[in-house]
Every structure is written in C-alpha cells, then in structure tokens.
Amino acid sequence: MGRAEPVGAGGGGDGTGKTSWPEVVGWSVQRAATQINGDRPDVSVTLIYSNPPWPPGHNPWRVVVISNEAGVVVKTPVIG
C-alpha cells in the first residue's frame, strides 16, 4: 500500500517535513543536492541548468533545483 503524501509532510518539528531550502541559494548544485538528500532522503532531486521549462505536473516526491550555467543555485528549491 502506498503513502498518500511524502514522509514528514506536514512537519512535526524533527526536520523531516522540510519542503523548501532557501539556505542553498548561492551554493553549488552538488552541495545543494547533498543537503536536500540529507534532509529529505524520501524525495528525489531534479537538477535544471539555466532557465528551461519547469518539469510538468506537481510531484510530492521531487525537489527541483534550478542553477545558472556555472552550476550555482539561483532559486529556492521546493518540493513539487
């Protein structure tokens, strides 16, 4: 039987419910992905370089990380 929402969705104060990572703006995509995976091992990280279209549809198991051509995160990564 599957879960209706990701583990930790809704919070709980233990860090497992984190849904955005504003602190990683300005970091390298590798460092940001490592941080996100450490905070939320139950989601996958999708890396997007430059400004292509956002992946279609909401996905509660995905965090999108957008970076510039140099591989630096330029927008707050969020679940979806």
PDB file of N, CA and C in Angstrom:
ATOM      1  N   MET A   1       0.840  -1.173   0.000  1.00  0.00           N
ATOM      2  CA  MET A   1       0.000   0.000   0.000  1.00  0.00           C
ATOM      3  C   MET A   1       0.893   1.247   0.000  1.00  0.00           C
ATOM      4  N   GLY A   2       0.594   2.248  -0.845  1.00  0.00           N
ATOM      5  CA  GLY A   2       1.405   3.449  -0.952  1.00  0.00           C
ATOM      6  C   GLY A   2       1.007   4.513   0.048  1.00  0.00           C
ATOM      7  N   ARG A   3       1.890   5.493   0.198  1.00  0.00           N
ATOM      8  CA  ARG A   3       1.605   6.624   1.080  1.00  0.00           C
ATOM      9  C   ARG A   3       0.839   7.673   0.311  1.00  0.00           C
ATOM     10  N   ALA A   4      -0.027   8.368   1.004  1.00  0.00           N
ATOM     11  CA  ALA A   4      -0.807   9.434   0.384  1.00  0.00           C
ATOM     12  C   ALA A   4       0.025  10.696   0.212  1.00  0.00           C
ATOM     13  N   GLU A   5       1.044  10.884   1.036  1.00  0.00           N
ATOM     14  CA  GLU A   5       1.915  12.040   0.944  1.00  0.00           C
ATOM     15  C   GLU A   5       3.310  11.637   1.403  1.00  0.00           C
ATOM     16  N   PRO A   6       4.343  12.413   1.062  1.00  0.00           N
ATOM     17  CA  PRO A   6       5.697  12.052   1.433  1.00  0.00           C
ATOM     18  C   PRO A   6       5.861  11.949   2.946  1.00  0.00           C
ATOM     19  N   VAL A   7       6.824  11.149   3.354  1.00  0.00           N
ATOM     20  CA  VAL A   7       7.151  11.031   4.770  1.00  0.00           C
ATOM     21  C   VAL A   7       7.459  12.415   5.306  1.00  0.00           C
ATOM     22  N   GLY A   8       6.902  12.749   6.448  1.00  0.00           N
ATOM     23  CA  GLY A   8       7.197  14.026   7.077  1.00  0.00           C
ATOM     24  C   GLY A   8       6.375  15.184   6.557  1.00  0.00           C
ATOM     25  N   ALA A   9       5.547  14.957   5.564  1.00  0.00           N
ATOM     26  CA  ALA A   9       4.735  16.065   5.074  1.00  0.00           C
ATOM     27  C   ALA A   9       3.858  16.558   6.207  1.00  0.00           C
ATOM     28  N   GLY A  10       3.839  17.841   6.403  1.00  0.00           N
ATOM     29  CA  GLY A  10       3.058  18.383   7.496  1.00  0.00           C
ATOM     30  C   GLY A  10       3.912  18.718   8.703  1.00  0.00           C
ATOM     31  N   GLY A  11       5.184  18.357   8.641  1.00  0.00           N
ATOM     32  CA  GLY A  11       6.089  18.762   9.710  1.00  0.00           C
ATOM     33  C   GLY A  11       6.085  17.843  10.887  1.00  0.00           C
ATOM     34  N   GLY A  12       6.357  18.388  12.043  1.00  0.00           N
ATOM     35  CA  GLY A  12       6.478  17.603  13.242  1.00  0.00           C
ATOM     36  C   GLY A  12       7.641  18.094  14.069  1.00  0.00           C
ATOM     37  N   GLY A  13       8.396  19.055  13.517  1.00  0.00           N
ATOM     38  CA  GLY A  13       9.469  19.648  14.282  1.00  0.00           C
ATOM     39  C   GLY A  13      10.768  18.872  14.279  1.00  0.00           C
ATOM     40  N   ASP A  14      10.810  17.707  13.618  1.00  0.00           N
ATOM     41  CA  ASP A  14      12.036  16.924  13.636  1.00  0.00           C
ATOM     42  C   ASP A  14      12.876  17.107  12.385  1.00  0.00           C
ATOM     43  N   GLY A  15      12.492  18.011  11.479  1.00  0.00           N
ATOM     44  CA  GLY A  15      13.259  18.280  10.284  1.00  0.00           C
ATOM     45  C   GLY A  15      12.843  17.430   9.096  1.00  0.00           C
ATOM     46  N   THR A  16      12.051  16.399   9.294  1.00  0.00           N
ATOM     47  CA  THR A  16      11.686  15.521   8.194  1.00  0.00           C
ATOM     48  C   THR A  16      10.621  16.111   7.292  1.00  0.00           C
ATOM     49  N   GLY A  17       9.937  17.164   7.740  1.00  0.00           N
ATOM     50  CA  GLY A  17       8.877  17.747   6.946  1.00  0.00           C
ATOM     51  C   GLY A  17       9.312  18.919   6.108  1.00  0.00           C
ATOM     52  N   LYS A  18      10.594  19.141   5.945  1.00  0.00           N
ATOM     53  CA  LYS A  18      11.093  20.290   5.208  1.00  0.00           C
ATOM     54  C   LYS A  18      10.614  20.239   3.757  1.00  0.00           C
ATOM     55  N   THR A  19      10.131  21.377   3.251  1.00  0.00           N
ATOM     56  CA  THR A  19       9.608  21.435   1.892  1.00  0.00           C
ATOM     57  C   THR A  19      10.298  22.461   1.005  1.00  0.00           C
ATOM     58  N   SER A  20      11.192  23.276   1.562  1.00  0.00           N
ATOM     59  CA  SER A  20      11.959  24.228   0.763  1.00  0.00           C
ATOM     60  C   SER A  20      13.322  24.440   1.412  1.00  0.00           C
ATOM     61  N   TRP A  21      14.279  24.889   0.597  1.00  0.00           N
ATOM     62  CA  TRP A  21      15.660  25.045   1.053  1.00  0.00           C
ATOM     63  C   TRP A  21      16.213  26.399   0.622  1.00  0.00           C
ATOM     64  N   PRO A  22      15.741  27.493   1.209  1.00  0.00           N
ATOM     65  CA  PRO A  22      16.244  28.816   0.810  1.00  0.00           C
ATOM     66  C   PRO A  22      17.725  29.005   1.133  1.00  0.00           C
ATOM     67  N   GLU A  23      18.221  28.265   2.112  1.00  0.00           N
ATOM     68  CA  GLU A  23      19.624  28.421   2.514  1.00  0.00           C
ATOM     69  C   GLU A  23      20.614  27.966   1.452  1.00  0.00           C
ATOM     70  N   VAL A  24      20.180  27.173   0.450  1.00  0.00           N
ATOM     71  CA  VAL A  24      21.124  26.661  -0.547  1.00  0.00           C
ATOM     72  C   VAL A  24      21.273  27.568  -1.764  1.00  0.00           C
ATOM     73  N   VAL A  25      20.496  28.649  -1.835  1.00  0.00           N
ATOM     74  CA  VAL A  25      20.675  29.603  -2.938  1.00  0.00           C
ATOM     75  C   VAL A  25      22.091  30.168  -2.834  1.00  0.00           C
ATOM     76  N   GLY A  26      22.814  30.103  -3.947  1.00  0.00           N
ATOM     77  CA  GLY A  26      24.211  30.550  -3.978  1.00  0.00           C
ATOM     78  C   GLY A  26      25.200  29.401  -3.820  1.00  0.00           C
ATOM     79  N   TRP A  27      24.720  28.220  -3.464  1.00  0.00           N
ATOM     80  CA  TRP A  27      25.582  27.039  -3.326  1.00  0.00           C
ATOM     81  C   TRP A  27      25.737  26.360  -4.688  1.00  0.00           C
ATOM     82  N   SER A  28      26.730  25.460  -4.784  1.00  0.00           N
ATOM     83  CA  SER A  28      26.856  24.620  -5.973  1.00  0.00           C
ATOM     84  C   SER A  28      25.703  23.621  -5.974  1.00  0.00           C
ATOM     85  N   VAL A  29      25.305  23.166  -7.158  1.00  0.00           N
ATOM     86  CA  VAL A  29      24.196  22.209  -7.234  1.00  0.00           C
ATOM     87  C   VAL A  29      24.543  20.907  -6.517  1.00  0.00           C
ATOM     88  N   GLN A  30      25.810  20.503  -6.554  1.00  0.00           N
ATOM     89  CA  GLN A  30      26.202  19.272  -5.877  1.00  0.00           C
ATOM     90  C   GLN A  30      26.026  19.393  -4.367  1.00  0.00           C
ATOM     91  N   ARG A  31      26.472  20.499  -3.823  1.00  0.00           N
ATOM     92  CA  ARG A  31      26.336  20.719  -2.376  1.00  0.00           C
ATOM     93  C   ARG A  31      24.865  20.827  -1.982  1.00  0.00           C
ATOM     94  N   ALA A  32      24.073  21.524  -2.806  1.00  0.00           N
ATOM     95  CA  ALA A  32      22.644  21.675  -2.524  1.00  0.00           C
ATOM     96  C   ALA A  32      21.942  20.316  -2.558  1.00  0.00           C
ATOM     97  N   ALA A  33      22.238  19.502  -3.570  1.00  0.00           N
ATOM     98  CA  ALA A  33      21.614  18.177  -3.677  1.00  0.00           C
ATOM     99  C   ALA A  33      21.979  17.305  -2.482  1.00  0.00           C
ATOM    100  N   THR A  34      23.209  17.385  -2.040  1.00  0.00           N
ATOM    101  CA  THR A  34      23.637  16.614  -0.864  1.00  0.00           C
ATOM    102  C   THR A  34      22.876  17.049   0.373  1.00  0.00           C
ATOM    103  N   GLN A  35      22.703  18.361   0.558  1.00  0.00           N
ATOM    104  CA  GLN A  35      21.955  18.889   1.707  1.00  0.00           C
ATOM    105  C   GLN A  35      20.503  18.435   1.662  1.00  0.00           C
ATOM    106  N   ILE A  36      19.887  18.570   0.493  1.00  0.00           N
ATOM    107  CA  ILE A  36      18.480  18.194   0.351  1.00  0.00           C
ATOM    108  C   ILE A  36      18.299  16.698   0.600  1.00  0.00           C
ATOM    109  N   ASN A  37      19.168  15.871   0.023  1.00  0.00           N
ATOM    110  CA  ASN A  37      19.082  14.429   0.250  1.00  0.00           C
ATOM    111  C   ASN A  37      19.302  14.072   1.714  1.00  0.00           C
ATOM    112  N   GLY A  38      20.137  14.819   2.400  1.00  0.00           N
ATOM    113  CA  GLY A  38      20.349  14.584   3.828  1.00  0.00           C
ATOM    114  C   GLY A  38      19.126  14.944   4.654  1.00  0.00           C
ATOM    115  N   ASP A  39      18.467  16.043   4.270  1.00  0.00           N
ATOM    116  CA  ASP A  39      17.271  16.488   4.993  1.00  0.00           C
ATOM    117  C   ASP A  39      16.053  15.636   4.662  1.00  0.00           C
ATOM    118  N   ARG A  40      15.930  15.238   3.414  1.00  0.00           N
ATOM    119  CA  ARG A  40      14.739  14.516   2.937  1.00  0.00           C
ATOM    120  C   ARG A  40      15.155  13.360   2.033  1.00  0.00           C
ATOM    121  N   PRO A  41      15.640  12.262   2.592  1.00  0.00           N
ATOM    122  CA  PRO A  41      16.043  11.120   1.758  1.00  0.00           C
ATOM    123  C   PRO A  41      14.880  10.462   1.033  1.00  0.00           C
ATOM    124  N   ASP A  42      13.645  10.835   1.366  1.00  0.00           N
ATOM    125  CA  ASP A  42      12.461  10.237   0.739  1.00  0.00           C
ATOM    126  C   ASP A  42      12.057  10.917  -0.560  1.00  0.00           C
ATOM    127  N   VAL A  43      12.772  11.973  -0.986  1.00  0.00           N
ATOM    128  CA  VAL A  43      12.450  12.653  -2.235  1.00  0.00           C
ATOM    129  C   VAL A  43      13.628  12.574  -3.192  1.00  0.00           C
ATOM    130  N   SER A  44      13.353  12.737  -4.490  1.00  0.00           N
ATOM    131  CA  SER A  44      14.426  12.782  -5.474  1.00  0.00           C
ATOM    132  C   SER A  44      14.720  14.238  -5.820  1.00  0.00           C
ATOM    133  N   VAL A  45      15.936  14.488  -6.256  1.00  0.00           N
ATOM    134  CA  VAL A  45      16.356  15.838  -6.623  1.00  0.00           C
ATOM    135  C   VAL A  45      16.485  15.904  -8.139  1.00  0.00           C
ATOM    136  N   THR A  46      15.810  16.874  -8.751  1.00  0.00           N
ATOM    137  CA  THR A  46      15.910  17.108 -10.189  1.00  0.00           C
ATOM    138  C   THR A  46      16.692  18.394 -10.395  1.00  0.00           C
ATOM    139  N   LEU A  47      17.782  18.315 -11.162  1.00  0.00           N
ATOM    140  CA  LEU A  47      18.621  19.484 -11.422  1.00  0.00           C
ATOM    141  C   LEU A  47      18.274  20.066 -12.787  1.00  0.00           C
ATOM    142  N   ILE A  48      18.079  21.380 -12.821  1.00  0.00           N
ATOM    143  CA  ILE A  48      17.799  22.087 -14.066  1.00  0.00           C
ATOM    144  C   ILE A  48      18.817  23.213 -14.189  1.00  0.00           C
ATOM    145  N   TYR A  49      19.519  23.225 -15.325  1.00  0.00           N
ATOM    146  CA  TYR A  49      20.510  24.268 -15.563  1.00  0.00           C
ATOM    147  C   TYR A  49      19.919  25.353 -16.441  1.00  0.00           C
ATOM    148  N   SER A  50      20.250  26.578 -16.139  1.00  0.00           N
ATOM    149  CA  SER A  50      19.756  27.776 -16.813  1.00  0.00           C
ATOM    150  C   SER A  50      18.285  27.971 -16.555  1.00  0.00           C
ATOM    151  N   ASN A  51      17.497  28.176 -17.610  1.00  0.00           N
ATOM    152  CA  ASN A  51      16.093  28.517 -17.401  1.00  0.00           C
ATOM    153  C   ASN A  51      15.164  27.753 -18.348  1.00  0.00           C
ATOM    154  N   PRO A  52      15.324  26.410 -18.440  1.00  0.00           N
ATOM    155  CA  PRO A  52      14.384  25.670 -19.277  1.00  0.00           C
ATOM    156  C   PRO A  52      13.024  25.569 -18.593  1.00  0.00           C
ATOM    157  N   PRO A  53      12.041  25.023 -19.275  1.00  0.00           N
ATOM    158  CA  PRO A  53      10.716  24.886 -18.660  1.00  0.00           C
ATOM    159  C   PRO A  53      10.761  24.035 -17.396  1.00  0.00           C
ATOM    160  N   TRP A  54       9.901  24.370 -16.451  1.00  0.00           N
ATOM    161  CA  TRP A  54       9.745  23.610 -15.215  1.00  0.00           C
ATOM    162  C   TRP A  54       9.193  22.226 -15.563  1.00  0.00           C
ATOM    163  N   PRO A  55       9.598  21.162 -14.850  1.00  0.00           N
ATOM    164  CA  PRO A  55       9.023  19.844 -15.136  1.00  0.00           C
ATOM    165  C   PRO A  55       7.501  19.870 -14.986  1.00  0.00           C
ATOM    166  N   PRO A  56       6.787  19.161 -15.853  1.00  0.00           N
ATOM    167  CA  PRO A  56       5.322  19.205 -15.812  1.00  0.00           C
ATOM    168  C   PRO A  56       4.740  18.504 -14.593  1.00  0.00           C
ATOM    169  N   GLY A  57       3.642  19.039 -14.103  1.00  0.00           N
ATOM    170  CA  GLY A  57       2.894  18.417 -13.019  1.00  0.00           C
ATOM    171  C   GLY A  57       3.559  18.516 -11.664  1.00  0.00           C
ATOM    172  N   HIS A  58       2.720  18.545 -10.645  1.00  0.00           N
ATOM    173  CA  HIS A  58       3.217  18.551  -9.274  1.00  0.00           C
ATOM    174  C   HIS A  58       3.626  17.134  -8.885  1.00  0.00           C
ATOM    175  N   ASN A  59       4.771  16.996  -8.224  1.00  0.00           N
ATOM    176  CA  ASN A  59       5.247  15.694  -7.774  1.00  0.00           C
ATOM    177  C   ASN A  59       5.719  15.849  -6.332  1.00  0.00           C
ATOM    178  N   PRO A  60       5.005  15.305  -5.358  1.00  0.00           N
ATOM    179  CA  PRO A  60       5.378  15.467  -3.953  1.00  0.00           C
ATOM    180  C   PRO A  60       6.621  14.682  -3.560  1.00  0.00           C
ATOM    181  N   TRP A  61       7.212  13.974  -4.499  1.00  0.00           N
ATOM    182  CA  TRP A  61       8.423  13.185  -4.236  1.00  0.00           C
ATOM    183  C   TRP A  61       9.640  13.786  -4.919  1.00  0.00           C
ATOM    184  N   ARG A  62       9.510  15.025  -5.459  1.00  0.00           N
ATOM    185  CA  ARG A  62      10.582  15.648  -6.230  1.00  0.00           C
ATOM    186  C   ARG A  62      10.906  17.031  -5.681  1.00  0.00           C
ATOM    187  N   VAL A  63      12.189  17.350  -5.658  1.00  0.00           N
ATOM    188  CA  VAL A  63      12.659  18.704  -5.361  1.00  0.00           C
ATOM    189  C   VAL A  63      13.401  19.179  -6.602  1.00  0.00           C
ATOM    190  N   VAL A  64      12.992  20.314  -7.145  1.00  0.00           N
ATOM    191  CA  VAL A  64      13.625  20.871  -8.330  1.00  0.00           C
ATOM    192  C   VAL A  64      14.645  21.922  -7.901  1.00  0.00           C
ATOM    193  N   VAL A  65      15.881  21.762  -8.403  1.00  0.00           N
ATOM    194  CA  VAL A  65      16.963  22.700  -8.113  1.00  0.00           C
ATOM    195  C   VAL A  65      17.333  23.385  -9.424  1.00  0.00           C
ATOM    196  N   ILE A  66      17.179  24.712  -9.471  1.00  0.00           N
ATOM    197  CA  ILE A  66      17.489  25.484 -10.677  1.00  0.00           C
ATOM    198  C   ILE A  66      18.796  26.234 -10.457  1.00  0.00           C
ATOM    199  N   SER A  67      19.707  26.075 -11.433  1.00  0.00           N
ATOM    200  CA  SER A  67      21.005  26.735 -11.313  1.00  0.00           C
ATOM    201  C   SER A  67      21.320  27.529 -12.571  1.00  0.00           C
ATOM    202  N   ASN A  68      22.338  28.367 -12.462  1.00  0.00           N
ATOM    203  CA  ASN A  68      22.820  29.093 -13.633  1.00  0.00           C
ATOM    204  C   ASN A  68      23.809  28.194 -14.395  1.00  0.00           C
ATOM    205  N   GLU A  69      24.394  28.732 -15.461  1.00  0.00           N
ATOM    206  CA  GLU A  69      25.318  27.960 -16.288  1.00  0.00           C
ATOM    207  C   GLU A  69      26.563  27.519 -15.514  1.00  0.00           C
ATOM    208  N   ALA A  70      26.898  28.239 -14.454  1.00  0.00           N
ATOM    209  CA  ALA A  70      28.064  27.903 -13.638  1.00  0.00           C
ATOM    210  C   ALA A  70      27.777  26.823 -12.599  1.00  0.00           C
ATOM    211  N   GLY A  71      26.509  26.376 -12.515  1.00  0.00           N
ATOM    212  CA  GLY A  71      26.154  25.328 -11.549  1.00  0.00           C
ATOM    213  C   GLY A  71      25.895  25.849 -10.166  1.00  0.00           C
ATOM    214  N   VAL A  72      25.487  27.114 -10.052  1.00  0.00           N
ATOM    215  CA  VAL A  72      25.167  27.738  -8.769  1.00  0.00           C
ATOM    216  C   VAL A  72      23.648  27.869  -8.656  1.00  0.00           C
ATOM    217  N   VAL A  73      23.086  27.452  -7.529  1.00  0.00           N
ATOM    218  CA  VAL A  73      21.640  27.500  -7.321  1.00  0.00           C
ATOM    219  C   VAL A  73      21.169  28.952  -7.313  1.00  0.00           C
ATOM    220  N   VAL A  74      20.131  29.247  -8.141  1.00  0.00           N
ATOM    221  CA  VAL A  74      19.661  30.627  -8.294  1.00  0.00           C
ATOM    222  C   VAL A  74      18.238  30.843  -7.803  1.00  0.00           C
ATOM    223  N   LYS A  75      17.535  29.778  -7.427  1.00  0.00           N
ATOM    224  CA  LYS A  75      16.164  29.901  -6.957  1.00  0.00           C
ATOM    225  C   LYS A  75      15.966  28.895  -5.820  1.00  0.00           C
ATOM    226  N   THR A  76      15.151  29.254  -4.849  1.00  0.00           N
ATOM    227  CA  THR A  76      14.912  28.362  -3.712  1.00  0.00           C
ATOM    228  C   THR A  76      14.316  27.037  -4.178  1.00  0.00           C
ATOM    229  N   PRO A  77      15.014  25.921  -3.920  1.00  0.00           N
ATOM    230  CA  PRO A  77      14.457  24.610  -4.268  1.00  0.00           C
ATOM    231  C   PRO A  77      13.246  24.292  -3.390  1.00  0.00           C
ATOM    232  N   VAL A  78      12.208  23.758  -4.025  1.00  0.00           N
ATOM    233  CA  VAL A  78      10.985  23.399  -3.316  1.00  0.00           C
ATOM    234  C   VAL A  78      10.491  22.030  -3.775  1.00  0.00           C
ATOM    235  N   ILE A  79       9.732  21.382  -2.927  1.00  0.00           N
ATOM    236  CA  ILE A  79       9.103  20.129  -3.306  1.00  0.00           C
ATOM    237  C   ILE A  79       8.004  20.431  -4.301  1.00  0.00           C
ATOM    238  N   GLY A  80       7.919  19.620  -5.315  1.00  0.00           N
ATOM    239  CA  GLY A  80       6.849  19.755  -6.289  1.00  0.00           C
ATOM    240  C   GLY A  80       7.328  19.430  -7.638  1.00  0.00           C
TER     241      GLY A  80
END
